[in-house]
């Protein structure tokens, strides 16, 4: 009987460890559009102003904007990087730029406990999406 209990316990340990531990997905960014303004002097172009809130631990997927994107940090601390560029940790009052051909490889809240918030001004094609996931 003792041997059977030990065997059963060993089997549970092996099965349990092979199943792994389920991890919760990182929280998503919260994006709100503040305004969109067509640019009559630049046919087919518009400016869109958005706020982005990163809950603690939030991470963006790899993406691009197909736009000129000007970032200004309001609260907290964020980490940004485009392909081929240096990773930058930004705090309130600091800025970041992404060009229309850049691939945004790193974008996340630098904190696991504090939220972060920033604004983004996008100069883009009229009606184009704010973000396009990169494969």
N, C-alpha and C. Protein backbone atom coordinates (compact mmCIF):
# COMPACT_ATOMS: atom_id res chain seq x y z
N UNK A 1 0.82 -1.19 0.00
CA UNK A 1 0.00 0.00 0.00
C UNK A 1 0.86 1.25 0.00
N UNK A 2 1.91 1.25 0.83
CA UNK A 2 2.83 2.40 0.90
C UNK A 2 3.46 2.64 -0.47
N UNK A 3 3.82 1.54 -1.13
CA UNK A 3 4.44 1.64 -2.45
C UNK A 3 3.46 2.21 -3.47
N UNK A 4 2.19 1.84 -3.38
CA UNK A 4 1.16 2.34 -4.28
C UNK A 4 0.96 3.85 -4.08
N UNK A 5 0.94 4.30 -2.83
CA UNK A 5 0.78 5.73 -2.55
C UNK A 5 1.96 6.52 -3.12
N UNK A 6 3.18 6.03 -2.94
CA UNK A 6 4.36 6.71 -3.47
C UNK A 6 4.32 6.78 -5.00
N UNK A 7 3.87 5.69 -5.63
CA UNK A 7 3.77 5.67 -7.09
C UNK A 7 2.73 6.66 -7.57
N UNK A 8 1.60 6.70 -6.88
CA UNK A 8 0.53 7.64 -7.25
C UNK A 8 1.01 9.09 -7.08
N UNK A 9 1.71 9.36 -5.99
CA UNK A 9 2.24 10.70 -5.75
C UNK A 9 3.25 11.08 -6.82
N UNK A 10 4.12 10.17 -7.19
CA UNK A 10 5.11 10.43 -8.24
C UNK A 10 4.40 10.73 -9.57
N UNK A 11 3.34 9.97 -9.88
CA UNK A 11 2.59 10.20 -11.11
C UNK A 11 1.94 11.58 -11.11
N UNK A 12 1.38 11.99 -9.99
CA UNK A 12 0.77 13.32 -9.90
C UNK A 12 1.80 14.42 -10.10
N UNK A 13 2.97 14.25 -9.53
CA UNK A 13 4.03 15.24 -9.69
C UNK A 13 4.44 15.35 -11.15
N UNK A 14 4.63 14.21 -11.82
CA UNK A 14 5.03 14.21 -13.23
C UNK A 14 3.95 14.83 -14.10
N UNK A 15 2.69 14.43 -13.92
CA UNK A 15 1.58 14.96 -14.72
C UNK A 15 1.41 16.45 -14.45
N UNK A 16 1.44 16.84 -13.18
CA UNK A 16 1.28 18.25 -12.82
C UNK A 16 2.37 19.13 -13.41
N UNK A 17 3.61 18.67 -13.39
CA UNK A 17 4.70 19.49 -13.92
C UNK A 17 4.67 19.55 -15.44
N UNK A 18 4.16 18.48 -16.09
CA UNK A 18 4.11 18.52 -17.55
C UNK A 18 2.98 19.41 -18.04
N UNK A 19 1.97 19.65 -17.22
CA UNK A 19 0.86 20.52 -17.61
C UNK A 19 1.26 21.99 -17.52
N UNK A 20 2.22 22.29 -16.70
CA UNK A 20 2.66 23.67 -16.57
C UNK A 20 1.68 24.48 -15.75
N UNK A 21 2.06 25.70 -15.50
CA UNK A 21 1.21 26.61 -14.74
C UNK A 21 0.59 27.59 -15.71
N UNK A 22 -0.69 27.78 -15.63
CA UNK A 22 -1.36 28.74 -16.51
C UNK A 22 -0.98 30.15 -16.09
N UNK A 23 -0.59 30.96 -17.06
CA UNK A 23 -0.23 32.34 -16.79
C UNK A 23 -1.29 33.26 -17.36
N UNK A 24 -1.66 34.27 -16.61
CA UNK A 24 -2.61 35.25 -17.11
C UNK A 24 -1.91 36.12 -18.15
N UNK A 25 -2.64 36.47 -19.18
CA UNK A 25 -2.09 37.35 -20.22
C UNK A 25 -1.84 38.73 -19.62
N UNK A 26 -0.83 39.41 -20.16
CA UNK A 26 -0.54 40.77 -19.70
C UNK A 26 -1.75 41.64 -20.01
N UNK A 27 -2.04 42.61 -19.15
CA UNK A 27 -3.18 43.49 -19.42
C UNK A 27 -2.94 44.30 -20.69
N UNK A 28 -4.02 44.60 -21.38
CA UNK A 28 -3.94 45.35 -22.63
C UNK A 28 -3.92 46.85 -22.37
N UNK A 29 -3.35 47.57 -23.32
CA UNK A 29 -3.37 49.03 -23.27
C UNK A 29 -4.81 49.51 -23.50
N UNK A 30 -5.12 50.64 -22.90
CA UNK A 30 -6.44 51.26 -23.08
C UNK A 30 -6.23 52.51 -23.93
N UNK A 31 -6.82 52.50 -25.13
CA UNK A 31 -6.61 53.59 -26.09
C UNK A 31 -7.91 54.37 -26.26
N UNK A 32 -7.81 55.70 -26.18
CA UNK A 32 -8.96 56.57 -26.39
C UNK A 32 -8.60 57.64 -27.41
N UNK A 33 -9.46 57.82 -28.39
CA UNK A 33 -9.23 58.85 -29.40
C UNK A 33 -9.76 60.18 -28.85
N UNK A 34 -8.91 61.19 -28.87
CA UNK A 34 -9.31 62.52 -28.40
C UNK A 34 -9.85 63.39 -29.52
N UNK A 35 -9.24 63.26 -30.71
CA UNK A 35 -9.71 64.01 -31.87
C UNK A 35 -9.07 63.48 -33.13
N UNK A 36 -9.78 63.71 -34.25
CA UNK A 36 -9.24 63.42 -35.57
C UNK A 36 -9.53 64.65 -36.42
N UNK A 37 -8.50 65.14 -37.10
CA UNK A 37 -8.64 66.36 -37.89
C UNK A 37 -8.07 66.17 -39.28
N UNK A 38 -8.92 66.22 -40.32
CA UNK A 38 -8.40 66.17 -41.68
C UNK A 38 -7.49 67.37 -41.93
N UNK A 39 -6.48 67.20 -42.74
CA UNK A 39 -5.55 68.28 -43.07
C UNK A 39 -5.80 68.71 -44.51
N UNK A 40 -6.59 69.75 -44.67
CA UNK A 40 -6.96 70.21 -46.02
C UNK A 40 -5.76 70.58 -46.86
N UNK A 41 -4.70 71.09 -46.24
CA UNK A 41 -3.49 71.47 -46.99
C UNK A 41 -2.69 70.25 -47.45
N UNK A 42 -3.01 69.07 -46.89
CA UNK A 42 -2.33 67.83 -47.24
C UNK A 42 -3.40 66.81 -47.60
N UNK A 43 -3.88 66.83 -48.84
CA UNK A 43 -4.97 65.94 -49.24
C UNK A 43 -4.69 64.47 -48.89
N UNK A 44 -5.72 63.84 -48.34
CA UNK A 44 -5.60 62.43 -47.98
C UNK A 44 -4.94 62.17 -46.63
N UNK A 45 -4.54 63.22 -45.92
CA UNK A 45 -3.87 63.07 -44.62
C UNK A 45 -4.75 63.61 -43.49
N UNK A 46 -4.52 63.09 -42.30
CA UNK A 46 -5.21 63.57 -41.11
C UNK A 46 -4.29 63.43 -39.89
N UNK A 47 -4.64 64.18 -38.86
CA UNK A 47 -3.97 64.06 -37.57
C UNK A 47 -4.95 63.39 -36.62
N UNK A 48 -4.48 62.41 -35.87
CA UNK A 48 -5.30 61.79 -34.83
C UNK A 48 -4.54 61.88 -33.52
N UNK A 49 -5.22 62.35 -32.49
CA UNK A 49 -4.63 62.49 -31.17
C UNK A 49 -5.30 61.46 -30.25
N UNK A 50 -4.48 60.62 -29.61
CA UNK A 50 -5.00 59.57 -28.74
C UNK A 50 -4.30 59.60 -27.38
N UNK A 51 -4.96 59.04 -26.39
CA UNK A 51 -4.29 58.75 -25.12
C UNK A 51 -4.14 57.24 -25.04
N UNK A 52 -3.06 56.81 -24.42
CA UNK A 52 -2.82 55.39 -24.18
C UNK A 52 -2.53 55.23 -22.70
N UNK A 53 -3.27 54.34 -22.06
CA UNK A 53 -3.02 54.01 -20.67
C UNK A 53 -2.52 52.58 -20.60
N UNK A 54 -1.39 52.41 -19.94
CA UNK A 54 -0.85 51.08 -19.69
C UNK A 54 -1.13 50.73 -18.23
N UNK A 55 -1.99 49.75 -17.97
CA UNK A 55 -2.10 49.25 -16.61
C UNK A 55 -0.75 48.64 -16.19
N UNK A 56 -0.53 48.43 -14.91
CA UNK A 56 0.72 47.78 -14.49
C UNK A 56 0.94 46.49 -15.26
N UNK A 57 2.13 46.31 -15.81
CA UNK A 57 2.49 45.11 -16.53
C UNK A 57 1.99 45.04 -17.97
N UNK A 58 1.32 46.07 -18.47
CA UNK A 58 0.79 46.05 -19.84
C UNK A 58 1.91 45.99 -20.87
N UNK A 59 1.65 45.23 -21.94
CA UNK A 59 2.62 45.05 -23.03
C UNK A 59 1.88 45.15 -24.35
N UNK A 60 2.44 45.93 -25.30
CA UNK A 60 1.89 46.01 -26.66
C UNK A 60 2.46 44.89 -27.52
N UNK A 61 1.69 44.43 -28.49
CA UNK A 61 2.25 43.49 -29.46
C UNK A 61 3.18 44.24 -30.41
N UNK A 62 4.03 43.51 -31.12
CA UNK A 62 4.87 44.13 -32.14
C UNK A 62 3.91 44.67 -33.21
N UNK A 63 4.12 45.93 -33.61
CA UNK A 63 3.20 46.57 -34.54
C UNK A 63 3.88 47.70 -35.30
N UNK A 64 3.12 48.31 -36.18
CA UNK A 64 3.55 49.54 -36.86
C UNK A 64 2.34 50.44 -36.97
N UNK A 65 2.62 51.70 -37.27
CA UNK A 65 1.55 52.68 -37.37
C UNK A 65 1.33 53.18 -38.79
N UNK A 66 2.27 53.01 -39.69
CA UNK A 66 2.18 53.61 -41.03
C UNK A 66 1.86 55.09 -40.89
N UNK A 67 2.51 55.73 -39.92
CA UNK A 67 2.25 57.14 -39.62
C UNK A 67 3.47 57.72 -38.93
N UNK A 68 3.53 59.03 -38.90
CA UNK A 68 4.48 59.70 -38.02
C UNK A 68 3.79 59.72 -36.66
N UNK A 69 4.43 59.16 -35.64
CA UNK A 69 3.84 59.06 -34.30
C UNK A 69 4.73 59.79 -33.31
N UNK A 70 4.15 60.79 -32.64
CA UNK A 70 4.86 61.59 -31.65
C UNK A 70 4.27 61.27 -30.29
N UNK A 71 5.09 60.71 -29.39
CA UNK A 71 4.66 60.25 -28.08
C UNK A 71 5.13 61.24 -27.01
N UNK A 72 4.23 61.53 -26.04
CA UNK A 72 4.57 62.39 -24.91
C UNK A 72 4.04 61.72 -23.65
N UNK A 73 4.94 61.42 -22.71
CA UNK A 73 4.55 60.70 -21.49
C UNK A 73 3.95 61.67 -20.46
N UNK A 74 2.78 61.30 -19.95
CA UNK A 74 2.10 62.10 -18.94
C UNK A 74 2.33 61.59 -17.53
N UNK A 75 2.23 60.27 -17.35
CA UNK A 75 2.34 59.65 -16.02
C UNK A 75 3.08 58.33 -16.12
N UNK A 76 3.75 57.96 -15.04
CA UNK A 76 4.40 56.66 -14.97
C UNK A 76 5.65 56.59 -15.81
N UNK A 77 6.00 55.38 -16.20
CA UNK A 77 7.23 55.13 -16.96
C UNK A 77 6.94 54.06 -18.00
N UNK A 78 7.35 54.30 -19.24
CA UNK A 78 7.13 53.35 -20.33
C UNK A 78 8.45 53.02 -21.00
N UNK A 79 8.48 51.87 -21.65
CA UNK A 79 9.66 51.43 -22.40
C UNK A 79 9.25 51.33 -23.86
N UNK A 80 10.03 51.95 -24.75
CA UNK A 80 9.73 51.97 -26.19
C UNK A 80 10.99 51.62 -26.98
N UNK A 81 10.78 50.99 -28.14
CA UNK A 81 11.88 50.70 -29.06
C UNK A 81 11.31 50.40 -30.43
N UNK A 82 11.98 50.90 -31.45
CA UNK A 82 11.65 50.51 -32.83
C UNK A 82 12.78 49.64 -33.35
N UNK A 83 12.46 48.81 -34.34
CA UNK A 83 13.45 47.89 -34.90
C UNK A 83 14.69 48.68 -35.35
N UNK A 84 15.86 48.24 -34.89
CA UNK A 84 17.11 48.88 -35.23
C UNK A 84 17.48 50.05 -34.34
N UNK A 85 16.56 50.45 -33.45
CA UNK A 85 16.82 51.57 -32.55
C UNK A 85 17.16 51.10 -31.16
N UNK A 86 17.49 52.05 -30.30
CA UNK A 86 17.81 51.74 -28.91
C UNK A 86 16.55 51.71 -28.07
N UNK A 87 16.51 50.82 -27.10
CA UNK A 87 15.41 50.80 -26.14
C UNK A 87 15.49 52.05 -25.28
N UNK A 88 14.34 52.69 -25.06
CA UNK A 88 14.30 53.91 -24.25
C UNK A 88 13.26 53.77 -23.15
N UNK A 89 13.65 54.11 -21.93
CA UNK A 89 12.70 54.17 -20.82
C UNK A 89 12.36 55.63 -20.63
N UNK A 90 11.07 55.94 -20.73
CA UNK A 90 10.60 57.32 -20.72
C UNK A 90 9.76 57.61 -19.48
N UNK A 91 9.92 58.80 -18.94
CA UNK A 91 9.18 59.24 -17.77
C UNK A 91 8.42 60.52 -18.14
N UNK A 92 7.55 61.02 -17.25
CA UNK A 92 6.74 62.20 -17.59
C UNK A 92 7.56 63.35 -18.16
N UNK A 93 7.03 63.90 -19.27
CA UNK A 93 7.68 65.02 -19.94
C UNK A 93 8.62 64.59 -21.05
N UNK A 94 8.92 63.30 -21.16
CA UNK A 94 9.83 62.83 -22.21
C UNK A 94 9.04 62.41 -23.44
N UNK A 95 9.74 62.38 -24.59
CA UNK A 95 9.10 62.11 -25.87
C UNK A 95 9.77 60.97 -26.61
N UNK A 96 9.05 60.47 -27.61
CA UNK A 96 9.54 59.37 -28.45
C UNK A 96 8.92 59.57 -29.83
N UNK A 97 9.64 59.19 -30.87
CA UNK A 97 9.15 59.32 -32.24
C UNK A 97 9.24 57.99 -32.96
N UNK A 98 8.20 57.70 -33.74
CA UNK A 98 8.19 56.54 -34.64
C UNK A 98 7.84 57.05 -36.03
N UNK A 99 8.61 56.62 -37.02
CA UNK A 99 8.33 56.99 -38.40
C UNK A 99 7.37 56.03 -39.07
N UNK A 100 6.85 56.41 -40.25
CA UNK A 100 5.87 55.58 -40.94
C UNK A 100 6.37 54.19 -41.33
N UNK A 101 7.66 54.01 -41.46
CA UNK A 101 8.20 52.70 -41.84
C UNK A 101 8.77 51.92 -40.66
N UNK A 102 8.73 52.51 -39.46
CA UNK A 102 9.27 51.84 -38.27
C UNK A 102 8.38 50.69 -37.82
N UNK A 103 9.02 49.66 -37.28
CA UNK A 103 8.31 48.56 -36.63
C UNK A 103 8.54 48.73 -35.14
N UNK A 104 7.45 48.88 -34.41
CA UNK A 104 7.50 49.09 -32.96
C UNK A 104 7.67 47.73 -32.28
N UNK A 105 8.91 47.42 -31.90
CA UNK A 105 9.23 46.10 -31.37
C UNK A 105 9.04 45.99 -29.86
N UNK A 106 9.18 47.11 -29.12
CA UNK A 106 9.03 47.10 -27.67
C UNK A 106 8.12 48.25 -27.27
N UNK A 107 7.10 47.94 -26.51
CA UNK A 107 6.20 48.95 -25.96
C UNK A 107 5.54 48.36 -24.74
N UNK A 108 5.92 48.84 -23.56
CA UNK A 108 5.30 48.30 -22.35
C UNK A 108 5.47 49.24 -21.17
N UNK A 109 4.66 49.00 -20.16
CA UNK A 109 4.77 49.73 -18.90
C UNK A 109 6.05 49.25 -18.21
N UNK A 110 6.86 50.17 -17.75
CA UNK A 110 8.10 49.80 -17.06
C UNK A 110 7.83 49.27 -15.66
N UNK A 111 6.61 49.46 -15.17
CA UNK A 111 6.27 49.06 -13.80
C UNK A 111 5.26 47.92 -13.78
N UNK A 112 5.43 47.03 -12.83
CA UNK A 112 4.46 45.96 -12.59
C UNK A 112 3.42 46.38 -11.55
N UNK A 113 3.59 47.58 -10.97
CA UNK A 113 2.69 48.01 -9.89
C UNK A 113 2.02 49.35 -10.13
N UNK A 114 2.56 50.19 -11.01
CA UNK A 114 2.01 51.54 -11.24
C UNK A 114 1.54 51.68 -12.69
N UNK A 115 0.42 52.36 -12.92
CA UNK A 115 -0.03 52.60 -14.30
C UNK A 115 0.84 53.66 -14.98
N UNK A 116 0.74 53.74 -16.29
CA UNK A 116 1.42 54.77 -17.07
C UNK A 116 0.43 55.31 -18.09
N UNK A 117 0.62 56.57 -18.48
CA UNK A 117 -0.29 57.20 -19.45
C UNK A 117 0.52 58.13 -20.34
N UNK A 118 0.20 58.09 -21.65
CA UNK A 118 0.87 58.99 -22.59
C UNK A 118 -0.08 59.38 -23.70
N UNK A 119 0.27 60.46 -24.40
CA UNK A 119 -0.50 60.86 -25.57
C UNK A 119 0.33 60.61 -26.81
N UNK A 120 -0.37 60.35 -27.91
CA UNK A 120 0.29 60.11 -29.19
C UNK A 120 -0.42 60.96 -30.24
N UNK A 121 0.35 61.73 -30.97
CA UNK A 121 -0.15 62.48 -32.11
C UNK A 121 0.31 61.74 -33.35
N UNK A 122 -0.65 61.31 -34.17
CA UNK A 122 -0.35 60.52 -35.37
C UNK A 122 -0.68 61.35 -36.62
N UNK A 123 0.28 61.49 -37.50
CA UNK A 123 0.06 62.08 -38.82
C UNK A 123 -0.01 60.91 -39.77
N UNK A 124 -1.22 60.66 -40.33
CA UNK A 124 -1.44 59.42 -41.06
C UNK A 124 -2.36 59.62 -42.25
N UNK A 125 -2.50 58.56 -43.06
CA UNK A 125 -3.46 58.59 -44.15
C UNK A 125 -4.87 58.64 -43.57
N UNK A 126 -5.72 59.41 -44.22
CA UNK A 126 -7.10 59.58 -43.77
C UNK A 126 -7.80 58.21 -43.68
N UNK A 127 -8.38 57.94 -42.50
CA UNK A 127 -9.12 56.70 -42.29
C UNK A 127 -8.28 55.47 -42.00
N UNK A 128 -6.96 55.59 -42.04
CA UNK A 128 -6.08 54.44 -41.77
C UNK A 128 -6.19 54.05 -40.29
N UNK A 129 -5.99 52.76 -39.98
CA UNK A 129 -6.04 52.34 -38.57
C UNK A 129 -4.88 52.95 -37.78
N UNK A 130 -5.07 53.06 -36.49
CA UNK A 130 -4.05 53.60 -35.60
C UNK A 130 -2.86 52.65 -35.53
N UNK A 131 -3.14 51.36 -35.48
CA UNK A 131 -2.10 50.35 -35.25
C UNK A 131 -2.34 49.15 -36.16
N UNK A 132 -1.26 48.62 -36.71
CA UNK A 132 -1.32 47.42 -37.54
C UNK A 132 -0.38 46.38 -36.94
N UNK A 133 -0.93 45.24 -36.44
CA UNK A 133 -0.05 44.21 -35.87
C UNK A 133 0.95 43.72 -36.91
N UNK A 134 2.16 43.46 -36.48
CA UNK A 134 3.25 42.99 -37.36
C UNK A 134 3.38 41.50 -37.14
N UNK A 135 3.53 40.76 -38.21
CA UNK A 135 3.63 39.30 -38.10
C UNK A 135 5.05 38.84 -38.03
